[in-house]
Amino acid sequence: MEKRSYAFHASSKDLKLIFLFVFCSFNTSLQCQERVINHYSTKPPSSPSSSSTTPEFKSRLQSVMLSIVFGIITGLICAILFACLVKCFIGYLNKTPILRGPVIFSPKIAPKTLQSALANENELLGSSPSGKYYRTVLDNGLTVAVKRLEPIENGSPETRSKSVKRHIQQELEMAASLRHRNLMSLRAYVRESDRFFLVYDHVSTGSLDDAMNRVRENQLQLNWEVRLRIAVGITKALQYLHFTCNPRILHCNLKPTNVMLDAEFEPRLTDLRLAKLMPGLDGASLGYVAPECLQNCRYTEKSDSFSFGVILGVLLTGRDPMDPFFDGAATGGSLGRWLRHLQQEGEAREALDRSILGEEVEEDEMLMAVRIAVACLSDLPADRPSSDELVSMLTQLHSF
């Protein structure tokens, strides 16, 4: 904001200087014209030959006027060129520099300590086509999670590479400024050559994807109350991004691997907008991408609603959207279409995860949640609820 404010004041000063310069030039030209006219008009005729001086007077007057007009035009051109130079210089000053070494946003992390920790062998937590996740313990005992992004570009021109790196840096600084209980705070980042290392708080529970995999393997039990709390937390984070932030922020890559769970299973979203900055979406997220994003790369807040609908469907059914089960389903190979088909047939209960079926009241809530998921998974963005509406829908489920 300070840089933008500085640029605005600087440009205002430039306009004032240009206006003052033109006004002075115009005023001076008027005074010169008035003096010339007065000089020739007040000169008394001394002889009958004064009539012969009239053409000479007109010729001199025209010369003076042309000189004045030429001077004004020259002054305007010089002023415009000067203003353009000042604008370019201010733009260069406001240009975000590409920073090297650690960029720290948390007072608990020292740059040298972080660099030393990254240089050592760290515990691998997981990997995806976009990068790898590590668990790292700093010298002061603080445990952090580090995501190493794979090379940003391969074989692209140097100028374009710098532009992409600068854009990524701006996005990371924006992400570090966000504050919400359901968002994972970016504590620091390190740029080395063509890679970025993102540093987050470490959560022992892992991601929602890890938790659901353990549920499928009967290593973890997640009742409906916990799953509903996870869904509500995700929508509150989206509501903050879509309606509180100015300008609004789209996640662009919402999926279980980007939903971290703390010790109380409270969700915290991570990797905001990274999918828009990387060369392409990784294959693991394809089941969560809205149709309009795949067709014409149009991404809106309703696209985030679609991705949430898939996550809600996963929480309700316990199934992975890329499960081969959907390829053989009569509905056409999609979690959303399968849920829509069962709802239309009045068999939505068949979609629910057997491990969360229990009391009749909870089943009513889950069946209503199926309807919400189906609405989110509509092919038309206009038919999907906004994140603001989703928060209201999900928090009121207990009243049904």
Protein backbone atom coordinates (compact mmCIF):
# COMPACT_ATOMS: atom_id res chain seq x y z
CA MET A 1 0.00 0.00 0.00
CA GLU A 2 2.84 2.38 0.77
CA LYS A 3 4.37 1.85 -2.67
CA ARG A 4 1.02 2.38 -4.40
CA SER A 5 0.37 5.50 -2.36
CA TYR A 6 3.83 6.81 -3.23
CA ALA A 7 3.24 6.21 -6.92
CA PHE A 8 -0.13 7.98 -6.80
CA HIS A 9 1.27 11.09 -5.06
CA ALA A 10 4.23 11.15 -7.42
CA SER A 11 2.00 11.06 -10.50
CA SER A 12 -0.20 13.82 -9.02
CA LYS A 13 2.89 16.01 -8.59
CA ASP A 14 3.85 15.35 -12.21
CA LEU A 15 0.43 16.55 -13.40
CA LYS A 16 0.70 19.66 -11.26
CA LEU A 17 4.15 20.44 -12.68
CA ILE A 18 2.92 19.99 -16.25
CA PHE A 19 -0.12 22.21 -15.63
CA LEU A 20 2.03 24.90 -13.99
CA PHE A 21 4.54 24.76 -16.86
CA VAL A 22 1.83 25.11 -19.53
CA PHE A 23 0.09 27.89 -17.62
CA CYS A 24 3.31 29.88 -17.23
CA SER A 25 4.21 29.40 -20.88
CA PHE A 26 0.77 30.47 -22.02
CA ASN A 27 0.75 33.47 -19.67
CA THR A 28 4.21 34.55 -20.84
CA SER A 29 3.17 34.28 -24.47
CA LEU A 30 0.12 36.47 -23.82
CA GLN A 31 2.28 39.08 -22.11
CA CYS A 32 4.75 39.07 -25.01
CA GLN A 33 1.96 39.38 -27.53
CA GLU A 34 0.42 42.27 -25.59
CA ARG A 35 3.76 44.09 -25.39
CA VAL A 36 4.41 43.71 -29.12
CA ILE A 37 0.95 44.94 -30.02
CA ASN A 38 1.24 47.89 -27.63
CA HIS A 39 4.67 48.72 -28.98
CA TYR A 40 3.52 48.96 -32.57
CA SER A 41 0.06 50.31 -31.97
CA THR A 42 1.20 53.20 -29.72
CA LYS A 43 3.98 54.31 -32.06
CA PRO A 44 2.80 57.72 -33.48
CA PRO A 45 2.86 58.16 -37.24
CA SER A 46 5.76 60.48 -38.02
CA SER A 47 5.37 60.82 -41.72
CA PRO A 48 3.11 60.00 -44.63
CA SER A 49 5.28 56.94 -45.20
CA SER A 50 3.85 55.32 -42.02
CA SER A 51 1.31 53.51 -44.11
CA SER A 52 4.16 51.65 -45.72
CA THR A 53 5.13 50.23 -42.33
CA THR A 54 1.83 48.37 -41.98
CA PRO A 55 2.94 45.23 -43.93
CA GLU A 56 6.21 45.23 -41.99
CA PHE A 57 4.27 45.42 -38.73
CA LYS A 58 2.04 42.49 -39.73
CA SER A 59 5.03 40.42 -40.81
CA ARG A 60 6.81 40.98 -37.51
CA LEU A 61 3.64 40.26 -35.55
CA GLN A 62 3.16 36.97 -37.41
CA SER A 63 6.77 36.00 -36.72
CA VAL A 64 6.34 36.71 -33.03
CA MET A 65 3.09 34.74 -32.88
CA LEU A 66 4.64 31.76 -34.68
CA SER A 67 7.59 31.82 -32.29
CA ILE A 68 5.23 31.85 -29.31
CA VAL A 69 3.12 28.97 -30.66
CA PHE A 70 6.25 26.94 -31.51
CA GLY A 71 7.59 27.56 -28.02
CA ILE A 72 4.35 26.40 -26.40
CA ILE A 73 4.25 23.23 -28.51
CA THR A 74 7.91 22.50 -27.77
CA GLY A 75 7.29 23.04 -24.05
CA LEU A 76 4.31 20.69 -24.05
CA ILE A 77 6.27 17.96 -25.83
CA CYS A 78 9.16 18.32 -23.39
CA ALA A 79 6.77 18.27 -20.43
CA ILE A 80 5.05 15.10 -21.68
CA LEU A 81 8.39 13.39 -22.28
CA PHE A 82 9.57 14.41 -18.83
CA ALA A 83 6.36 13.07 -17.25
CA CYS A 84 6.80 9.75 -19.08
CA LEU A 85 10.38 9.46 -17.85
CA VAL A 86 9.30 10.20 -14.27
CA LYS A 87 6.49 7.62 -14.54
CA CYS A 88 8.88 4.96 -15.83
CA PHE A 89 11.35 5.74 -13.05
CA ILE A 90 8.65 5.51 -10.38
CA GLY A 91 7.45 2.22 -11.91
CA TYR A 92 10.99 0.89 -11.71
CA LEU A 93 11.25 1.91 -8.05
CA ASN A 94 7.91 0.25 -7.27
CA LYS A 95 8.88 -2.95 -9.07
CA THR A 96 9.14 -5.80 -6.59
CA PRO A 97 12.75 -6.97 -6.47
CA ILE A 98 13.48 -10.68 -6.73
CA LEU A 99 14.77 -11.51 -3.27
CA ARG A 100 17.37 -14.18 -2.66
CA GLY A 101 17.85 -16.13 0.52
CA PRO A 102 15.20 -16.64 3.22
CA VAL A 103 12.29 -14.22 3.48
CA ILE A 104 11.02 -14.51 7.06
CA PHE A 105 7.54 -13.57 8.30
CA SER A 106 7.79 -15.12 11.78
CA PRO A 107 10.04 -13.81 14.61
CA LYS A 108 10.53 -17.43 15.77
CA ILE A 109 12.56 -18.29 12.66
CA ALA A 110 16.09 -17.01 12.06
CA PRO A 111 17.34 -16.92 8.45
CA LYS A 112 20.60 -18.75 9.16
CA THR A 113 18.80 -21.38 11.22
CA LEU A 114 16.35 -22.03 8.41
CA GLN A 115 19.06 -22.30 5.75
CA SER A 116 21.02 -24.68 7.92
CA ALA A 117 17.96 -26.87 8.46
CA LEU A 118 17.13 -27.01 4.74
CA ALA A 119 20.68 -28.11 3.97
CA ASN A 120 20.33 -31.21 6.18
CA GLU A 121 18.43 -34.43 5.56
CA ASN A 122 14.79 -34.00 6.49
CA GLU A 123 11.89 -36.38 7.03
CA LEU A 124 9.82 -36.78 3.86
CA LEU A 125 6.10 -36.46 4.61
CA GLY A 126 4.73 -36.80 1.09
CA SER A 127 5.11 -35.80 -2.53
CA SER A 128 3.07 -34.75 -5.55
CA PRO A 129 3.89 -33.67 -9.11
CA SER A 130 4.14 -30.06 -7.89
CA GLY A 131 6.58 -30.72 -5.05
CA LYS A 132 7.63 -32.61 -1.93
CA TYR A 133 6.76 -32.10 1.74
CA TYR A 134 9.32 -32.35 4.54
CA ARG A 135 9.30 -32.19 8.31
CA THR A 136 12.17 -30.08 9.59
CA VAL A 137 13.33 -29.28 13.12
CA LEU A 138 15.15 -25.96 13.53
CA ASP A 139 18.05 -25.36 15.92
CA ASN A 140 15.72 -23.64 18.40
CA GLY A 141 13.55 -26.78 18.57
CA LEU A 142 10.72 -25.43 16.42
CA THR A 143 9.23 -28.05 14.07
CA VAL A 144 8.07 -26.75 10.70
CA ALA A 145 6.71 -28.24 7.49
CA VAL A 146 8.55 -27.37 4.28
CA LYS A 147 7.12 -27.71 0.80
CA ARG A 148 9.71 -27.75 -1.98
CA LEU A 149 8.21 -26.60 -5.26
CA GLU A 150 9.66 -28.23 -8.35
CA PRO A 151 11.37 -26.05 -11.01
CA ILE A 152 9.04 -23.27 -12.07
CA GLU A 153 9.90 -23.26 -15.74
CA ASN A 154 12.10 -25.20 -18.09
CA GLY A 155 13.71 -23.65 -21.13
CA SER A 156 11.85 -20.33 -20.92
CA PRO A 157 13.49 -16.96 -21.64
CA GLU A 158 15.29 -15.28 -18.76
CA THR A 159 13.01 -12.25 -18.84
CA ARG A 160 9.89 -14.36 -18.60
CA SER A 161 11.45 -16.46 -15.86
CA LYS A 162 12.15 -13.34 -13.80
CA SER A 163 8.60 -12.16 -14.33
CA VAL A 164 7.17 -15.49 -13.14
CA LYS A 165 9.45 -15.58 -10.08
CA ARG A 166 8.51 -12.01 -9.19
CA HIS A 167 4.81 -12.86 -9.53
CA ILE A 168 5.21 -15.93 -7.31
CA GLN A 169 7.04 -13.83 -4.75
CA GLN A 170 4.21 -11.27 -4.67
CA GLU A 171 1.64 -14.02 -4.22
CA LEU A 172 3.62 -15.57 -1.37
CA GLU A 173 3.90 -12.24 0.40
CA MET A 174 0.15 -11.80 0.03
CA ALA A 175 -0.47 -15.29 1.46
CA ALA A 176 1.77 -14.49 4.44
CA SER A 177 -0.36 -11.44 5.28
CA LEU A 178 -3.61 -13.43 5.64
CA ARG A 179 -4.88 -14.16 9.15
CA HIS A 180 -7.66 -16.68 9.76
CA ARG A 181 -7.93 -19.69 12.06
CA ASN A 182 -8.76 -21.95 9.12
CA LEU A 183 -5.81 -20.84 6.98
CA MET A 184 -2.29 -22.21 7.28
CA SER A 185 0.04 -19.24 7.80
CA LEU A 186 3.10 -19.00 5.61
CA ARG A 187 6.00 -18.47 8.02
CA ALA A 188 8.83 -18.03 5.51
CA TYR A 189 10.02 -18.91 2.06
CA VAL A 190 13.37 -19.43 0.42
CA ARG A 191 14.19 -19.01 -3.26
CA GLU A 192 17.16 -20.92 -4.57
CA SER A 193 17.86 -20.86 -8.30
CA ASP A 194 14.63 -22.07 -9.93
CA ARG A 195 13.01 -23.53 -6.78
CA PHE A 196 10.95 -22.17 -3.91
CA PHE A 197 10.80 -23.62 -0.39
CA LEU A 198 7.62 -22.73 1.53
CA VAL A 199 7.71 -22.95 5.34
CA TYR A 200 4.51 -23.59 7.31
CA ASP A 201 3.60 -24.61 10.85
CA HIS A 202 3.84 -28.36 11.28
CA VAL A 203 0.63 -30.20 12.18
CA SER A 204 0.99 -33.75 13.45
CA THR A 205 -2.36 -35.00 12.13
CA GLY A 206 -1.37 -34.37 8.54
CA SER A 207 -3.72 -33.57 5.69
CA LEU A 208 -7.36 -34.48 5.18
CA ASP A 209 -6.20 -36.83 2.43
CA ASP A 210 -3.97 -38.65 4.92
CA ALA A 211 -6.85 -38.88 7.41
CA MET A 212 -9.33 -40.24 4.85
CA ASN A 213 -6.79 -42.82 3.65
CA ARG A 214 -6.44 -44.04 7.24
CA VAL A 215 -10.23 -44.14 7.55
CA ARG A 216 -10.45 -46.35 4.45
CA GLU A 217 -7.81 -48.64 5.93
CA ASN A 218 -9.70 -48.78 9.27
CA GLN A 219 -6.79 -47.12 11.07
CA LEU A 220 -8.79 -44.04 12.07
CA GLN A 221 -12.40 -43.31 13.02
CA LEU A 222 -13.97 -39.98 12.05
CA ASN A 223 -17.55 -39.59 13.21
CA TRP A 224 -20.07 -37.34 11.48
CA GLU A 225 -19.61 -34.50 13.98
CA VAL A 226 -15.88 -34.29 13.21
CA ARG A 227 -16.46 -34.49 9.45
CA LEU A 228 -19.09 -31.76 9.62
CA ARG A 229 -16.71 -29.57 11.64
CA ILE A 230 -14.05 -30.05 8.95
CA ALA A 231 -16.54 -29.07 6.23
CA VAL A 232 -17.68 -25.96 8.14
CA GLY A 233 -14.07 -24.87 8.75
CA ILE A 234 -13.25 -25.14 5.03
CA THR A 235 -16.27 -23.01 4.05
CA LYS A 236 -15.36 -20.38 6.66
CA ALA A 237 -11.87 -20.12 5.19
CA LEU A 238 -13.37 -19.73 1.69
CA GLN A 239 -15.83 -17.14 3.00
CA TYR A 240 -12.90 -15.14 4.40
CA LEU A 241 -11.00 -15.33 1.09
CA HIS A 242 -14.02 -14.54 -1.09
CA PHE A 243 -15.82 -11.88 0.96
CA THR A 244 -13.45 -10.40 3.56
CA CYS A 245 -10.24 -10.03 1.57
CA ASN A 246 -10.04 -7.03 -0.75
CA PRO A 247 -9.41 -7.80 -3.52
CA ARG A 248 -11.00 -11.21 -3.12
CA ILE A 249 -8.77 -14.28 -3.25
CA LEU A 250 -9.54 -17.57 -4.97
CA HIS A 251 -7.89 -20.75 -3.74
CA CYS A 252 -7.75 -22.32 -7.22
CA ASN A 253 -6.57 -25.74 -6.00
CA LEU A 254 -8.83 -26.88 -3.19
CA LYS A 255 -8.42 -30.62 -2.47
CA PRO A 256 -7.84 -32.86 0.58
CA THR A 257 -4.04 -32.72 0.28
CA ASN A 258 -4.27 -28.92 0.70
CA VAL A 259 -6.46 -29.17 3.82
CA MET A 260 -4.29 -29.69 6.90
CA LEU A 261 -5.80 -30.89 10.20
CA ASP A 262 -4.58 -29.84 13.63
CA ALA A 263 -4.76 -31.96 16.77
CA GLU A 264 -8.48 -31.12 17.20
CA PHE A 265 -9.17 -31.89 13.52
CA GLU A 266 -9.73 -28.23 12.80
CA PRO A 267 -9.03 -27.67 9.06
CA ARG A 268 -6.48 -25.18 7.79
CA LEU A 269 -6.18 -24.48 4.07
CA THR A 270 -2.77 -24.19 2.47
CA ASP A 271 -1.17 -23.59 -0.97
CA LEU A 272 -3.40 -20.64 -1.89
CA ARG A 273 -3.31 -19.86 -5.64
CA LEU A 274 -0.21 -21.98 -6.25
CA ALA A 275 -2.04 -23.87 -9.00
CA LYS A 276 -2.38 -20.60 -10.94
CA LEU A 277 1.32 -19.92 -10.58
CA MET A 278 2.63 -23.35 -11.54
CA PRO A 279 2.81 -24.54 -15.17
CA GLY A 280 -0.31 -26.72 -14.72
CA LEU A 281 -2.54 -28.50 -12.25
CA ASP A 282 -1.12 -31.76 -10.99
CA GLY A 283 -2.98 -34.94 -11.81
CA ALA A 284 -4.12 -35.57 -8.22
CA SER A 285 -6.34 -32.49 -8.32
CA LEU A 286 -8.20 -33.31 -11.55
CA GLY A 287 -11.11 -34.89 -9.69
CA TYR A 288 -11.66 -31.62 -7.81
CA VAL A 289 -11.53 -29.16 -10.72
CA ALA A 290 -14.74 -27.52 -11.95
CA PRO A 291 -15.79 -28.21 -15.57
CA GLU A 292 -15.36 -24.59 -16.69
CA CYS A 293 -11.73 -24.62 -15.53
CA LEU A 294 -10.93 -27.59 -17.77
CA GLN A 295 -12.92 -26.25 -20.72
CA ASN A 296 -11.85 -22.59 -20.90
CA CYS A 297 -9.59 -22.00 -17.86
CA ARG A 298 -12.25 -19.72 -16.33
CA TYR A 299 -11.88 -19.73 -12.56
CA THR A 300 -14.30 -17.96 -10.20
CA GLU A 301 -15.33 -18.28 -6.56
CA LYS A 302 -17.98 -20.78 -7.74
CA SER A 303 -15.11 -22.97 -8.95
CA ASP A 304 -13.92 -23.12 -5.34
CA SER A 305 -17.49 -24.09 -4.39
CA PHE A 306 -17.32 -27.01 -6.85
CA SER A 307 -14.03 -28.21 -5.33
CA PHE A 308 -15.57 -27.97 -1.86
CA GLY A 309 -18.53 -30.02 -3.10
CA VAL A 310 -16.15 -32.83 -4.04
CA ILE A 311 -14.50 -32.65 -0.60
CA LEU A 312 -17.91 -32.74 1.08
CA GLY A 313 -18.76 -35.77 -1.06
CA VAL A 314 -15.56 -37.47 0.10
CA LEU A 315 -16.41 -36.75 3.75
CA LEU A 316 -19.91 -38.17 3.28
CA THR A 317 -19.09 -41.26 1.22
CA GLY A 318 -15.53 -42.00 2.33
CA ARG A 319 -14.65 -42.61 -1.34
CA ASP A 320 -11.87 -41.03 -3.38
CA PRO A 321 -13.28 -39.22 -6.46
CA MET A 322 -10.65 -40.97 -8.59
CA ASP A 323 -11.78 -44.39 -7.34
CA PRO A 324 -12.24 -46.85 -10.26
CA PHE A 325 -15.66 -47.56 -8.72
CA PHE A 326 -17.06 -44.48 -10.47
CA ASP A 327 -15.86 -45.70 -13.88
CA GLY A 328 -18.24 -48.62 -13.61
CA ALA A 329 -21.08 -46.68 -12.01
CA ALA A 330 -24.26 -46.36 -14.05
CA THR A 331 -24.08 -42.57 -13.73
CA GLY A 332 -21.06 -41.95 -15.94
CA GLY A 333 -17.88 -42.00 -13.91
CA SER A 334 -18.15 -39.03 -11.55
CA LEU A 335 -18.68 -38.66 -7.80
CA GLY A 336 -21.01 -35.71 -8.40
CA ARG A 337 -23.12 -37.52 -11.02
CA TRP A 338 -23.31 -40.60 -8.82
CA LEU A 339 -24.58 -38.56 -5.86
CA ARG A 340 -27.04 -36.70 -8.11
CA HIS A 341 -28.37 -39.99 -9.51
CA LEU A 342 -28.86 -41.51 -6.04
CA GLN A 343 -30.60 -38.38 -4.80
CA GLN A 344 -32.99 -38.33 -7.76
CA GLU A 345 -33.76 -41.99 -7.17
CA GLY A 346 -34.38 -41.36 -3.47
CA GLU A 347 -31.47 -43.59 -2.53
CA ALA A 348 -29.03 -40.99 -1.16
CA ARG A 349 -28.58 -43.07 2.00
CA GLU A 350 -26.79 -45.70 -0.11
CA ALA A 351 -23.99 -43.21 -0.75
CA LEU A 352 -23.17 -42.60 2.93
CA ASP A 353 -20.09 -44.07 4.55
CA ARG A 354 -21.24 -47.00 6.68
CA SER A 355 -18.80 -46.06 9.42
CA ILE A 356 -20.69 -42.83 10.19
CA LEU A 357 -24.23 -44.15 10.05
CA GLY A 358 -25.81 -44.00 13.47
CA GLU A 359 -28.69 -42.10 15.00
CA GLU A 360 -31.65 -41.05 12.90
CA VAL A 361 -31.04 -37.33 13.54
CA GLU A 362 -27.49 -37.59 12.22
CA GLU A 363 -28.71 -39.41 9.12
CA ASP A 364 -31.11 -36.58 8.38
CA GLU A 365 -28.22 -34.13 8.65
CA MET A 366 -26.06 -36.25 6.37
CA LEU A 367 -28.82 -36.58 3.76
CA MET A 368 -29.23 -32.80 3.80
CA ALA A 369 -25.45 -32.51 3.39
CA VAL A 370 -25.70 -34.77 0.32
CA ARG A 371 -28.14 -32.26 -1.20
CA ILE A 372 -25.67 -29.45 -0.47
CA ALA A 373 -22.84 -31.41 -2.12
CA VAL A 374 -24.97 -32.08 -5.21
CA ALA A 375 -25.77 -28.35 -5.47
CA CYS A 376 -22.06 -27.51 -5.28
CA LEU A 377 -21.30 -30.07 -7.99
CA SER A 378 -23.68 -28.53 -10.53
CA ASP A 379 -22.19 -28.15 -14.02
CA LEU A 380 -23.39 -24.53 -14.16
CA PRO A 381 -21.49 -22.13 -11.84
CA ALA A 382 -24.60 -19.97 -11.35
CA ASP A 383 -26.44 -22.92 -9.79
CA ARG A 384 -23.79 -23.48 -7.11
CA PRO A 385 -24.05 -21.82 -3.68
CA SER A 386 -21.45 -19.26 -2.69
CA SER A 387 -19.09 -19.86 0.23
CA ASP A 388 -21.14 -17.35 2.24
CA GLU A 389 -24.29 -19.42 1.64
CA LEU A 390 -22.43 -22.66 2.36
CA VAL A 391 -21.42 -21.46 5.83
CA SER A 392 -25.06 -20.70 6.63
CA MET A 393 -26.29 -24.03 5.20
CA LEU A 394 -23.80 -26.20 7.05
CA THR A 395 -23.94 -24.42 10.39
CA GLN A 396 -27.74 -24.77 10.41
CA LEU A 397 -27.76 -28.50 9.71
CA HIS A 398 -28.40 -29.29 13.38
CA SER A 399 -31.71 -27.42 13.15
CA PHE A 400 -33.19 -29.82 10.56
